[in-house]
Amino acid sequence: METFPAFFPLKDRRVVIAGDGEGAHAKARLFAGSPAEIVRANDEAGLDPATYAGADLIFVASYDGDWVARAAAAARTAGAPLNVVDHPELSDFHTPAILDRGQVVAAIGTAGAAPLMAALLRAELEARLSEGAGRLAALLGERRAPLRAAFPDLAARRAFLRALLAGPAADAAGAGDNDTAAALIDAAIASGFSAVGRISLIAVPVQADLISVRALRALNNADIVVAGTGSDGLIAAHARRDAEHWSPERARQDSLTSEAKAGRLIAVLDRQISKDLAARLAAADVTVEILRPAPAA
């Protein structure tokens, strides 16, 4: 990871956008509707260090390269993070391609190397992330305390939210019916939740590109990853950074079934998947799936 993504809270913050032209206008549109104080500065104002005093974020954009260099020098006096459009050598950070769903914001960056690729990837994600995602996130944010009280265990809370995102509350939020969505969320919290976990036994292919889409999805979502032979590369590339990593020695049948019954998603990767292990896990009344490599072309 060459760059670290971060989100800046905008409430009660001051954002200065200096310059003119499409680059500056695009940055202004980006912050339209945000709770930040937006300051526009052109011409001489953009070259005055006083313009940038108290700024929390600064953007400089112009077709005039000399003006940009002078404005960037003036902006530096404020000590705030600075982005100079089309001049990564003068910037503290890159502006990613942003997908805005209110409370849910997705950002895709390429460390400034290929911004068009980031925009194309954002378009792909935009088709998958519904308008209701932000509404659902806002409703859940209002219920953070009851959620923590009802599900103090992080894994159980994650399992509850996973089920909620695939249920009628999410459908109602997607349809714009916040009242129904809120009522369904409150009812689900009040009634408790029977966690449903899953154990995915993933056969690691000799060629990494033969792993199936379902197997990658299981690895992406896993709360616990059990690393067998030849799986290090897949885990590094596709497992969640916060997933627990278990050795094969720790992954006894009783440990796996106990975690699955607590609602956790488990991915077990190895070159050889034992049918006997799968049968024994299934007999212990947990959901088990065997995911084998895609056939070679």
C-alpha atoms as a PDB file:
ATOM      1  CA  MET A   1       0.000   0.000   0.000  1.00  0.00           C
ATOM      2  CA  GLU A   2       1.790   3.122  -1.242  1.00  0.00           C
ATOM      3  CA  THR A   3      -0.833   5.580   0.015  1.00  0.00           C
ATOM      4  CA  PHE A   4      -3.006   5.523   3.120  1.00  0.00           C
ATOM      5  CA  PRO A   5      -6.716   6.347   2.634  1.00  0.00           C
ATOM      6  CA  ALA A   6      -8.349   8.490   5.302  1.00  0.00           C
ATOM      7  CA  PHE A   7     -11.644  10.335   5.769  1.00  0.00           C
ATOM      8  CA  PHE A   8     -11.719  13.919   7.059  1.00  0.00           C
ATOM      9  CA  PRO A   9     -14.813  14.959   9.071  1.00  0.00           C
ATOM     10  CA  LEU A  10     -16.221  18.107   7.453  1.00  0.00           C
ATOM     11  CA  LYS A  11     -18.537  19.464  10.127  1.00  0.00           C
ATOM     12  CA  ASP A  12     -17.271  22.839  11.393  1.00  0.00           C
ATOM     13  CA  ARG A  13     -14.223  22.599   9.093  1.00  0.00           C
ATOM     14  CA  ARG A  14     -12.896  25.249   6.705  1.00  0.00           C
ATOM     15  CA  VAL A  15     -12.062  24.227   3.143  1.00  0.00           C
ATOM     16  CA  VAL A  16     -10.299  26.723   0.867  1.00  0.00           C
ATOM     17  CA  ILE A  17     -10.507  26.253  -2.905  1.00  0.00           C
ATOM     18  CA  ALA A  18      -8.174  28.633  -4.697  1.00  0.00           C
ATOM     19  CA  GLY A  19      -8.089  29.230  -8.414  1.00  0.00           C
ATOM     20  CA  ASP A  20     -10.418  29.105 -11.362  1.00  0.00           C
ATOM     21  CA  GLY A  21     -11.263  26.859 -14.284  1.00  0.00           C
ATOM     22  CA  GLU A  22     -12.774  23.408 -14.385  1.00  0.00           C
ATOM     23  CA  GLY A  23     -10.380  21.974 -11.779  1.00  0.00           C
ATOM     24  CA  ALA A  24     -11.485  24.469  -9.130  1.00  0.00           C
ATOM     25  CA  HIS A  25     -15.150  24.196 -10.119  1.00  0.00           C
ATOM     26  CA  ALA A  26     -14.985  20.405  -9.847  1.00  0.00           C
ATOM     27  CA  LYS A  27     -13.620  20.661  -6.292  1.00  0.00           C
ATOM     28  CA  ALA A  28     -16.412  23.083  -5.378  1.00  0.00           C
ATOM     29  CA  ARG A  29     -19.020  20.687  -6.730  1.00  0.00           C
ATOM     30  CA  LEU A  30     -17.410  17.903  -4.712  1.00  0.00           C
ATOM     31  CA  PHE A  31     -18.151  19.764  -1.477  1.00  0.00           C
ATOM     32  CA  ALA A  32     -21.624  20.967  -2.441  1.00  0.00           C
ATOM     33  CA  GLY A  33     -24.037  20.115   0.351  1.00  0.00           C
ATOM     34  CA  SER A  34     -21.292  19.308   2.854  1.00  0.00           C
ATOM     35  CA  PRO A  35     -21.357  20.865   6.349  1.00  0.00           C
ATOM     36  CA  ALA A  36     -17.950  22.497   5.804  1.00  0.00           C
ATOM     37  CA  GLU A  37     -17.369  26.212   5.347  1.00  0.00           C
ATOM     38  CA  ILE A  38     -16.239  26.558   1.723  1.00  0.00           C
ATOM     39  CA  VAL A  39     -14.035  29.527   0.811  1.00  0.00           C
ATOM     40  CA  ARG A  40     -13.357  30.369  -2.864  1.00  0.00           C
ATOM     41  CA  ALA A  41     -10.328  32.487  -3.690  1.00  0.00           C
ATOM     42  CA  ASN A  42      -9.257  33.767  -7.115  1.00  0.00           C
ATOM     43  CA  ASP A  43      -6.560  36.018  -8.521  1.00  0.00           C
ATOM     44  CA  GLU A  44      -4.638  38.001  -5.888  1.00  0.00           C
ATOM     45  CA  ALA A  45      -6.635  36.528  -2.997  1.00  0.00           C
ATOM     46  CA  GLY A  46      -5.287  33.108  -3.889  1.00  0.00           C
ATOM     47  CA  LEU A  47      -1.731  34.408  -3.545  1.00  0.00           C
ATOM     48  CA  ASP A  48      -2.294  35.949  -0.099  1.00  0.00           C
ATOM     49  CA  PRO A  49      -1.273  33.704   2.832  1.00  0.00           C
ATOM     50  CA  ALA A  50      -4.018  35.313   4.941  1.00  0.00           C
ATOM     51  CA  THR A  51      -6.614  33.655   2.686  1.00  0.00           C
ATOM     52  CA  TYR A  52      -5.584  30.247   3.979  1.00  0.00           C
ATOM     53  CA  ALA A  53      -5.457  31.054   7.695  1.00  0.00           C
ATOM     54  CA  GLY A  54      -7.500  28.564   9.715  1.00  0.00           C
ATOM     55  CA  ALA A  55      -8.026  26.208   6.777  1.00  0.00           C
ATOM     56  CA  ASP A  56      -8.386  22.491   7.433  1.00  0.00           C
ATOM     57  CA  LEU A  57      -8.128  21.420   3.779  1.00  0.00           C
ATOM     58  CA  ILE A  58      -6.802  23.375   0.805  1.00  0.00           C
ATOM     59  CA  PHE A  59      -7.213  22.864  -2.939  1.00  0.00           C
ATOM     60  CA  VAL A  60      -5.384  24.895  -5.575  1.00  0.00           C
ATOM     61  CA  ALA A  61      -6.270  24.682  -9.276  1.00  0.00           C
ATOM     62  CA  SER A  62      -5.487  26.810 -12.311  1.00  0.00           C
ATOM     63  CA  TYR A  63      -4.278  26.553 -15.892  1.00  0.00           C
ATOM     64  CA  ASP A  64      -1.588  29.126 -15.052  1.00  0.00           C
ATOM     65  CA  GLY A  65       1.436  27.161 -13.831  1.00  0.00           C
ATOM     66  CA  ASP A  66       3.205  30.211 -12.361  1.00  0.00           C
ATOM     67  CA  TRP A  67       0.080  31.223 -10.421  1.00  0.00           C
ATOM     68  CA  VAL A  68      -0.309  27.660  -9.134  1.00  0.00           C
ATOM     69  CA  ALA A  69       3.258  27.571  -7.793  1.00  0.00           C
ATOM     70  CA  ARG A  70       2.846  30.929  -6.032  1.00  0.00           C
ATOM     71  CA  ALA A  71      -0.595  30.001  -4.621  1.00  0.00           C
ATOM     72  CA  ALA A  72       0.720  26.666  -3.362  1.00  0.00           C
ATOM     73  CA  ALA A  73       3.580  28.457  -1.576  1.00  0.00           C
ATOM     74  CA  ALA A  74       1.089  30.845   0.062  1.00  0.00           C
ATOM     75  CA  ALA A  75      -1.172  27.924   1.054  1.00  0.00           C
ATOM     76  CA  ARG A  76       1.756  26.131   2.716  1.00  0.00           C
ATOM     77  CA  THR A  77       1.857  28.822   5.406  1.00  0.00           C
ATOM     78  CA  ALA A  78      -1.450  27.522   6.822  1.00  0.00           C
ATOM     79  CA  GLY A  79       0.012  24.091   7.584  1.00  0.00           C
ATOM     80  CA  ALA A  80      -3.115  22.317   6.305  1.00  0.00           C
ATOM     81  CA  PRO A  81      -3.139  19.348   3.903  1.00  0.00           C
ATOM     82  CA  LEU A  82      -2.827  20.681   0.366  1.00  0.00           C
ATOM     83  CA  ASN A  83      -3.947  19.283  -2.983  1.00  0.00           C
ATOM     84  CA  VAL A  84      -2.779  21.009  -6.165  1.00  0.00           C
ATOM     85  CA  VAL A  85      -4.805  19.763  -9.120  1.00  0.00           C
ATOM     86  CA  ASP A  86      -2.659  18.061 -11.775  1.00  0.00           C
ATOM     87  CA  HIS A  87       0.492  18.734  -9.757  1.00  0.00           C
ATOM     88  CA  PRO A  88       1.165  15.698  -7.524  1.00  0.00           C
ATOM     89  CA  GLU A  89       4.696  16.966  -6.855  1.00  0.00           C
ATOM     90  CA  LEU A  90       3.175  19.951  -5.013  1.00  0.00           C
ATOM     91  CA  SER A  91       0.461  17.979  -3.206  1.00  0.00           C
ATOM     92  CA  ASP A  92       0.240  16.380   0.231  1.00  0.00           C
ATOM     93  CA  PHE A  93      -2.576  14.070  -0.869  1.00  0.00           C
ATOM     94  CA  HIS A  94      -4.402  12.876  -3.962  1.00  0.00           C
ATOM     95  CA  THR A  95      -8.144  13.298  -4.440  1.00  0.00           C
ATOM     96  CA  PRO A  96      -9.712   9.876  -5.096  1.00  0.00           C
ATOM     97  CA  ALA A  97     -12.702   9.036  -7.233  1.00  0.00           C
ATOM     98  CA  ILE A  98     -15.555   9.400  -4.750  1.00  0.00           C
ATOM     99  CA  LEU A  99     -18.905   7.660  -4.565  1.00  0.00           C
ATOM    100  CA  ASP A 100     -21.210   9.625  -2.267  1.00  0.00           C
ATOM    101  CA  ARG A 101     -24.156   7.861  -0.650  1.00  0.00           C
ATOM    102  CA  GLY A 102     -24.565  10.248   2.273  1.00  0.00           C
ATOM    103  CA  GLN A 103     -23.340   8.403   5.361  1.00  0.00           C
ATOM    104  CA  VAL A 104     -21.662   5.841   3.102  1.00  0.00           C
ATOM    105  CA  VAL A 105     -18.738   7.213   1.124  1.00  0.00           C
ATOM    106  CA  ALA A 106     -16.467   5.070  -1.031  1.00  0.00           C
ATOM    107  CA  ALA A 107     -13.163   6.369  -2.364  1.00  0.00           C
ATOM    108  CA  ILE A 108     -10.969   4.752  -5.002  1.00  0.00           C
ATOM    109  CA  GLY A 109      -7.443   5.985  -5.611  1.00  0.00           C
ATOM    110  CA  THR A 110      -4.458   4.995  -7.721  1.00  0.00           C
ATOM    111  CA  ALA A 111      -1.831   7.110  -5.901  1.00  0.00           C
ATOM    112  CA  GLY A 112      -2.225   9.661  -8.668  1.00  0.00           C
ATOM    113  CA  ALA A 113      -0.915   7.238 -11.292  1.00  0.00           C
ATOM    114  CA  ALA A 114      -4.119   6.510 -13.217  1.00  0.00           C
ATOM    115  CA  PRO A 115      -7.056   8.747 -12.186  1.00  0.00           C
ATOM    116  CA  LEU A 116      -9.129   7.613 -15.168  1.00  0.00           C
ATOM    117  CA  MET A 117      -8.917   4.022 -13.927  1.00  0.00           C
ATOM    118  CA  ALA A 118     -10.169   5.171 -10.523  1.00  0.00           C
ATOM    119  CA  ALA A 119     -13.132   6.866 -12.197  1.00  0.00           C
ATOM    120  CA  LEU A 120     -13.984   3.721 -14.142  1.00  0.00           C
ATOM    121  CA  LEU A 121     -13.818   1.600 -10.992  1.00  0.00           C
ATOM    122  CA  ARG A 122     -16.074   4.083  -9.221  1.00  0.00           C
ATOM    123  CA  ALA A 123     -18.650   3.652 -11.977  1.00  0.00           C
ATOM    124  CA  GLU A 124     -18.554  -0.123 -11.432  1.00  0.00           C
ATOM    125  CA  LEU A 125     -19.073   0.330  -7.695  1.00  0.00           C
ATOM    126  CA  GLU A 126     -21.816   2.909  -8.205  1.00  0.00           C
ATOM    127  CA  ALA A 127     -23.912   0.298 -10.003  1.00  0.00           C
ATOM    128  CA  ARG A 128     -23.639  -2.029  -7.007  1.00  0.00           C
ATOM    129  CA  LEU A 129     -24.091   0.367  -4.093  1.00  0.00           C
ATOM    130  CA  SER A 130     -27.719   1.447  -3.822  1.00  0.00           C
ATOM    131  CA  GLU A 131     -28.908   4.928  -2.916  1.00  0.00           C
ATOM    132  CA  GLY A 132     -30.387   3.400   0.233  1.00  0.00           C
ATOM    133  CA  ALA A 133     -26.985   2.483   1.669  1.00  0.00           C
ATOM    134  CA  GLY A 134     -26.482   5.929   3.157  1.00  0.00           C
ATOM    135  CA  ARG A 135     -29.987   6.000   4.632  1.00  0.00           C
ATOM    136  CA  LEU A 136     -29.476   2.602   6.246  1.00  0.00           C
ATOM    137  CA  ALA A 137     -26.098   3.672   7.643  1.00  0.00           C
ATOM    138  CA  ALA A 138     -27.658   6.806   9.132  1.00  0.00           C
ATOM    139  CA  LEU A 139     -30.402   4.761  10.832  1.00  0.00           C
ATOM    140  CA  LEU A 140     -27.819   2.353  12.239  1.00  0.00           C
ATOM    141  CA  GLY A 141     -25.684   5.259  13.443  1.00  0.00           C
ATOM    142  CA  GLU A 142     -28.644   6.583  15.430  1.00  0.00           C
ATOM    143  CA  ARG A 143     -28.877   3.178  17.112  1.00  0.00           C
ATOM    144  CA  ARG A 144     -25.201   2.647  17.898  1.00  0.00           C
ATOM    145  CA  ALA A 145     -25.736   2.446  21.672  1.00  0.00           C
ATOM    146  CA  PRO A 146     -28.657  -0.062  21.549  1.00  0.00           C
ATOM    147  CA  LEU A 147     -26.718  -2.161  19.038  1.00  0.00           C
ATOM    148  CA  ARG A 148     -23.679  -2.336  21.298  1.00  0.00           C
ATOM    149  CA  ALA A 149     -25.846  -3.161  24.292  1.00  0.00           C
ATOM    150  CA  ALA A 150     -27.709  -5.931  22.462  1.00  0.00           C
ATOM    151  CA  PHE A 151     -24.573  -7.375  20.852  1.00  0.00           C
ATOM    152  CA  PRO A 152     -21.534  -6.574  23.003  1.00  0.00           C
ATOM    153  CA  ASP A 153     -19.500  -9.214  21.183  1.00  0.00           C
ATOM    154  CA  LEU A 154     -18.049  -7.702  18.002  1.00  0.00           C
ATOM    155  CA  ALA A 155     -18.393 -10.899  15.962  1.00  0.00           C
ATOM    156  CA  ALA A 156     -22.055 -11.273  16.979  1.00  0.00           C
ATOM    157  CA  ARG A 157     -22.705  -7.634  16.098  1.00  0.00           C
ATOM    158  CA  ARG A 158     -21.049  -8.109  12.717  1.00  0.00           C
ATOM    159  CA  ALA A 159     -23.179 -11.212  12.074  1.00  0.00           C
ATOM    160  CA  PHE A 160     -26.332  -9.269  12.984  1.00  0.00           C
ATOM    161  CA  LEU A 161     -25.435  -6.411  10.639  1.00  0.00           C
ATOM    162  CA  ARG A 162     -24.563  -8.853   7.879  1.00  0.00           C
ATOM    163  CA  ALA A 163     -28.048 -10.371   8.117  1.00  0.00           C
ATOM    164  CA  LEU A 164     -29.642  -6.914   8.341  1.00  0.00           C
ATOM    165  CA  LEU A 165     -27.955  -5.756   5.126  1.00  0.00           C
ATOM    166  CA  ALA A 166     -29.509  -8.671   3.261  1.00  0.00           C
ATOM    167  CA  GLY A 167     -32.953  -8.328   4.837  1.00  0.00           C
ATOM    168  CA  PRO A 168     -36.178  -6.304   4.603  1.00  0.00           C
ATOM    169  CA  ALA A 169     -34.801  -3.298   6.522  1.00  0.00           C
ATOM    170  CA  ALA A 170     -32.229  -2.740   3.798  1.00  0.00           C
ATOM    171  CA  ASP A 171     -34.921  -3.162   1.141  1.00  0.00           C
ATOM    172  CA  ALA A 172     -37.099  -0.546   2.851  1.00  0.00           C
ATOM    173  CA  ALA A 173     -34.201   1.911   3.103  1.00  0.00           C
ATOM    174  CA  GLY A 174     -33.413   1.300  -0.561  1.00  0.00           C
ATOM    175  CA  ALA A 175     -36.997   2.173  -1.443  1.00  0.00           C
ATOM    176  CA  GLY A 176     -36.792   5.394   0.550  1.00  0.00           C
ATOM    177  CA  ASP A 177     -39.136   4.201   3.324  1.00  0.00           C
ATOM    178  CA  ASN A 178     -37.086   5.237   6.344  1.00  0.00           C
ATOM    179  CA  ASP A 179     -39.938   4.793   8.828  1.00  0.00           C
ATOM    180  CA  THR A 180     -40.412   1.136   7.907  1.00  0.00           C
ATOM    181  CA  ALA A 181     -36.669   0.545   7.844  1.00  0.00           C
ATOM    182  CA  ALA A 182     -36.293   2.095  11.301  1.00  0.00           C
ATOM    183  CA  ALA A 183     -39.143   0.005  12.707  1.00  0.00           C
ATOM    184  CA  LEU A 184     -37.642  -3.197  11.289  1.00  0.00           C
ATOM    185  CA  ILE A 185     -34.212  -2.387  12.717  1.00  0.00           C
ATOM    186  CA  ASP A 186     -35.662  -1.636  16.163  1.00  0.00           C
ATOM    187  CA  ALA A 187     -37.678  -4.873  16.106  1.00  0.00           C
ATOM    188  CA  ALA A 188     -34.616  -6.887  15.092  1.00  0.00           C
ATOM    189  CA  ILE A 189     -32.514  -5.391  17.888  1.00  0.00           C
ATOM    190  CA  ALA A 190     -35.253  -5.945  20.467  1.00  0.00           C
ATOM    191  CA  SER A 191     -35.931  -9.554  19.483  1.00  0.00           C
ATOM    192  CA  GLY A 192     -32.300 -10.613  19.507  1.00  0.00           C
ATOM    193  CA  PHE A 193     -30.603 -12.526  16.783  1.00  0.00           C
ATOM    194  CA  SER A 194     -29.687 -16.121  16.215  1.00  0.00           C
ATOM    195  CA  ALA A 195     -26.285 -15.933  14.551  1.00  0.00           C
ATOM    196  CA  VAL A 196     -25.745 -18.009  11.448  1.00  0.00           C
ATOM    197  CA  GLY A 197     -22.103 -18.611  10.562  1.00  0.00           C
ATOM    198  CA  ARG A 198     -20.504 -20.604   7.803  1.00  0.00           C
ATOM    199  CA  ILE A 199     -17.348 -22.603   7.215  1.00  0.00           C
ATOM    200  CA  SER A 200     -15.942 -22.360   3.702  1.00  0.00           C
ATOM    201  CA  LEU A 201     -13.422 -25.046   2.809  1.00  0.00           C
ATOM    202  CA  ILE A 202     -11.439 -23.543  -0.063  1.00  0.00           C
ATOM    203  CA  ALA A 203      -9.237 -25.736  -2.230  1.00  0.00           C
ATOM    204  CA  VAL A 204      -6.232 -23.589  -3.165  1.00  0.00           C
ATOM    205  CA  PRO A 205      -5.400 -23.972  -6.874  1.00  0.00           C
ATOM    206  CA  VAL A 206      -1.880 -24.437  -8.149  1.00  0.00           C
ATOM    207  CA  GLN A 207      -2.437 -21.367 -10.358  1.00  0.00           C
ATOM    208  CA  ALA A 208      -3.794 -18.450  -8.330  1.00  0.00           C
ATOM    209  CA  ASP A 209      -5.997 -17.151 -11.168  1.00  0.00           C
ATOM    210  CA  LEU A 210      -8.058 -20.352 -11.134  1.00  0.00           C
ATOM    211  CA  ILE A 211      -9.614 -19.623  -7.748  1.00  0.00           C
ATOM    212  CA  SER A 212     -13.371 -19.208  -8.126  1.00  0.00           C
ATOM    213  CA  VAL A 213     -15.294 -15.973  -7.581  1.00  0.00           C
ATOM    214  CA  ARG A 214     -17.300 -17.626  -4.771  1.00  0.00           C
ATOM    215  CA  ALA A 215     -14.073 -18.641  -3.043  1.00  0.00           C
ATOM    216  CA  LEU A 216     -12.695 -15.108  -3.266  1.00  0.00           C
ATOM    217  CA  ARG A 217     -15.954 -13.724  -1.867  1.00  0.00           C
ATOM    218  CA  ALA A 218     -15.785 -16.172   1.043  1.00  0.00           C
ATOM    219  CA  LEU A 219     -12.192 -15.131   1.736  1.00  0.00           C
ATOM    220  CA  ASN A 220     -13.063 -11.416   1.466  1.00  0.00           C
ATOM    221  CA  ASN A 221     -15.818 -11.786   4.080  1.00  0.00           C
ATOM    222  CA  ALA A 222     -14.183 -14.250   6.473  1.00  0.00           C
ATOM    223  CA  ASP A 223     -13.853 -13.297  10.139  1.00  0.00           C
ATOM    224  CA  ILE A 224     -11.378 -16.150  10.661  1.00  0.00           C
ATOM    225  CA  VAL A 225      -8.879 -17.416   8.086  1.00  0.00           C
ATOM    226  CA  VAL A 226      -7.183 -20.770   8.540  1.00  0.00           C
ATOM    227  CA  ALA A 227      -3.994 -20.918   6.488  1.00  0.00           C
ATOM    228  CA  GLY A 228      -3.020 -24.257   5.031  1.00  0.00           C
ATOM    229  CA  THR A 229      -0.420 -25.098   2.403  1.00  0.00           C
ATOM    230  CA  GLY A 230       0.151 -22.619  -0.438  1.00  0.00           C
ATOM    231  CA  SER A 231      -2.381 -20.025   0.678  1.00  0.00           C
ATOM    232  CA  ASP A 232      -0.186 -17.137   1.865  1.00  0.00           C
ATOM    233  CA  GLY A 233      -0.463 -15.151  -1.367  1.00  0.00           C
ATOM    234  CA  LEU A 234      -4.240 -15.411  -1.515  1.00  0.00           C
ATOM    235  CA  ILE A 235      -4.605 -14.326   2.100  1.00  0.00           C
ATOM    236  CA  ALA A 236      -2.313 -11.330   1.637  1.00  0.00           C
ATOM    237  CA  ALA A 237      -4.213 -10.206  -1.475  1.00  0.00           C
ATOM    238  CA  HIS A 238      -7.820 -10.938  -0.558  1.00  0.00           C
ATOM    239  CA  ALA A 239      -8.415 -11.503   3.185  1.00  0.00           C
ATOM    240  CA  ARG A 240      -9.700  -8.688   5.383  1.00  0.00           C
ATOM    241  CA  ARG A 241      -6.934  -6.915   7.264  1.00  0.00           C
ATOM    242  CA  ASP A 242      -8.824  -7.330  10.537  1.00  0.00           C
ATOM    243  CA  ALA A 243      -9.557 -11.059  10.095  1.00  0.00           C
ATOM    244  CA  GLU A 244      -8.164 -13.453  12.682  1.00  0.00           C
ATOM    245  CA  HIS A 245      -5.465 -15.781  11.360  1.00  0.00           C
ATOM    246  CA  TRP A 246      -5.451 -19.334  12.723  1.00  0.00           C
ATOM    247  CA  SER A 247      -2.887 -22.039  12.185  1.00  0.00           C
ATOM    248  CA  PRO A 248      -4.145 -25.471  11.028  1.00  0.00           C
ATOM    249  CA  GLU A 249      -3.171 -26.838  14.457  1.00  0.00           C
ATOM    250  CA  ARG A 250      -5.555 -24.436  16.200  1.00  0.00           C
ATOM    251  CA  ALA A 251      -8.426 -25.183  13.819  1.00  0.00           C
ATOM    252  CA  ARG A 252      -9.790 -28.275  15.516  1.00  0.00           C
ATOM    253  CA  GLN A 253     -13.302 -29.406  14.665  1.00  0.00           C
ATOM    254  CA  ASP A 254     -14.773 -28.227  17.959  1.00  0.00           C
ATOM    255  CA  SER A 255     -13.120 -24.807  17.632  1.00  0.00           C
ATOM    256  CA  LEU A 256     -14.427 -24.311  14.099  1.00  0.00           C
ATOM    257  CA  THR A 257     -17.977 -25.374  14.923  1.00  0.00           C
ATOM    258  CA  SER A 258     -18.074 -23.223  18.058  1.00  0.00           C
ATOM    259  CA  GLU A 259     -17.028 -20.118  16.138  1.00  0.00           C
ATOM    260  CA  ALA A 260     -19.452 -20.837  13.283  1.00  0.00           C
ATOM    261  CA  LYS A 261     -22.357 -21.252  15.714  1.00  0.00           C
ATOM    262  CA  ALA A 262     -21.433 -17.854  17.174  1.00  0.00           C
ATOM    263  CA  GLY A 263     -22.070 -16.331  13.746  1.00  0.00           C
ATOM    264  CA  ARG A 264     -18.561 -16.085  12.403  1.00  0.00           C
ATOM    265  CA  LEU A 265     -17.597 -16.696   8.790  1.00  0.00           C
ATOM    266  CA  ILE A 266     -14.587 -18.987   8.506  1.00  0.00           C
ATOM    267  CA  ALA A 267     -12.395 -19.662   5.482  1.00  0.00           C
ATOM    268  CA  VAL A 268     -10.160 -22.737   5.581  1.00  0.00           C
ATOM    269  CA  LEU A 269      -7.623 -22.775   2.741  1.00  0.00           C
ATOM    270  CA  ASP A 270      -5.533 -25.767   1.765  1.00  0.00           C
ATOM    271  CA  ARG A 271      -4.343 -27.670  -1.285  1.00  0.00           C
ATOM    272  CA  GLN A 272      -6.338 -30.722  -0.229  1.00  0.00           C
ATOM    273  CA  ILE A 273      -9.841 -30.498   1.238  1.00  0.00           C
ATOM    274  CA  SER A 274     -10.842 -33.493   3.309  1.00  0.00           C
ATOM    275  CA  LYS A 275     -14.335 -34.786   2.537  1.00  0.00           C
ATOM    276  CA  ASP A 276     -14.272 -36.445   5.939  1.00  0.00           C
ATOM    277  CA  LEU A 277     -13.713 -33.083   7.647  1.00  0.00           C
ATOM    278  CA  ALA A 278     -16.567 -31.545   5.681  1.00  0.00           C
ATOM    279  CA  ALA A 279     -18.896 -34.370   6.670  1.00  0.00           C
ATOM    280  CA  ARG A 280     -17.961 -34.133  10.336  1.00  0.00           C
ATOM    281  CA  LEU A 281     -18.469 -30.363  10.390  1.00  0.00           C
ATOM    282  CA  ALA A 282     -21.831 -30.659   8.667  1.00  0.00           C
ATOM    283  CA  ALA A 283     -22.868 -33.335  11.164  1.00  0.00           C
ATOM    284  CA  ALA A 284     -22.144 -30.843  13.949  1.00  0.00           C
ATOM    285  CA  ASP A 285     -25.049 -28.743  12.619  1.00  0.00           C
ATOM    286  CA  VAL A 286     -23.109 -25.891  11.015  1.00  0.00           C
ATOM    287  CA  THR A 287     -23.260 -24.669   7.432  1.00  0.00           C
ATOM    288  CA  VAL A 288     -20.337 -25.942   5.383  1.00  0.00           C
ATOM    289  CA  GLU A 289     -19.428 -25.307   1.747  1.00  0.00           C
ATOM    290  CA  ILE A 290     -16.598 -26.743  -0.318  1.00  0.00           C
ATOM    291  CA  LEU A 291     -15.225 -24.361  -2.934  1.00  0.00           C
ATOM    292  CA  ARG A 292     -12.981 -25.861  -5.558  1.00  0.00           C
ATOM    293  CA  PRO A 293     -10.911 -24.105  -8.258  1.00  0.00           C
ATOM    294  CA  ALA A 294     -12.449 -23.078 -11.524  1.00  0.00           C
ATOM    295  CA  PRO A 295     -11.534 -25.428 -14.401  1.00  0.00           C
ATOM    296  CA  ALA A 296      -8.578 -24.356 -16.515  1.00  0.00           C
ATOM    297  CA  ALA A 297      -9.451 -23.000 -19.942  1.00  0.00           C
END
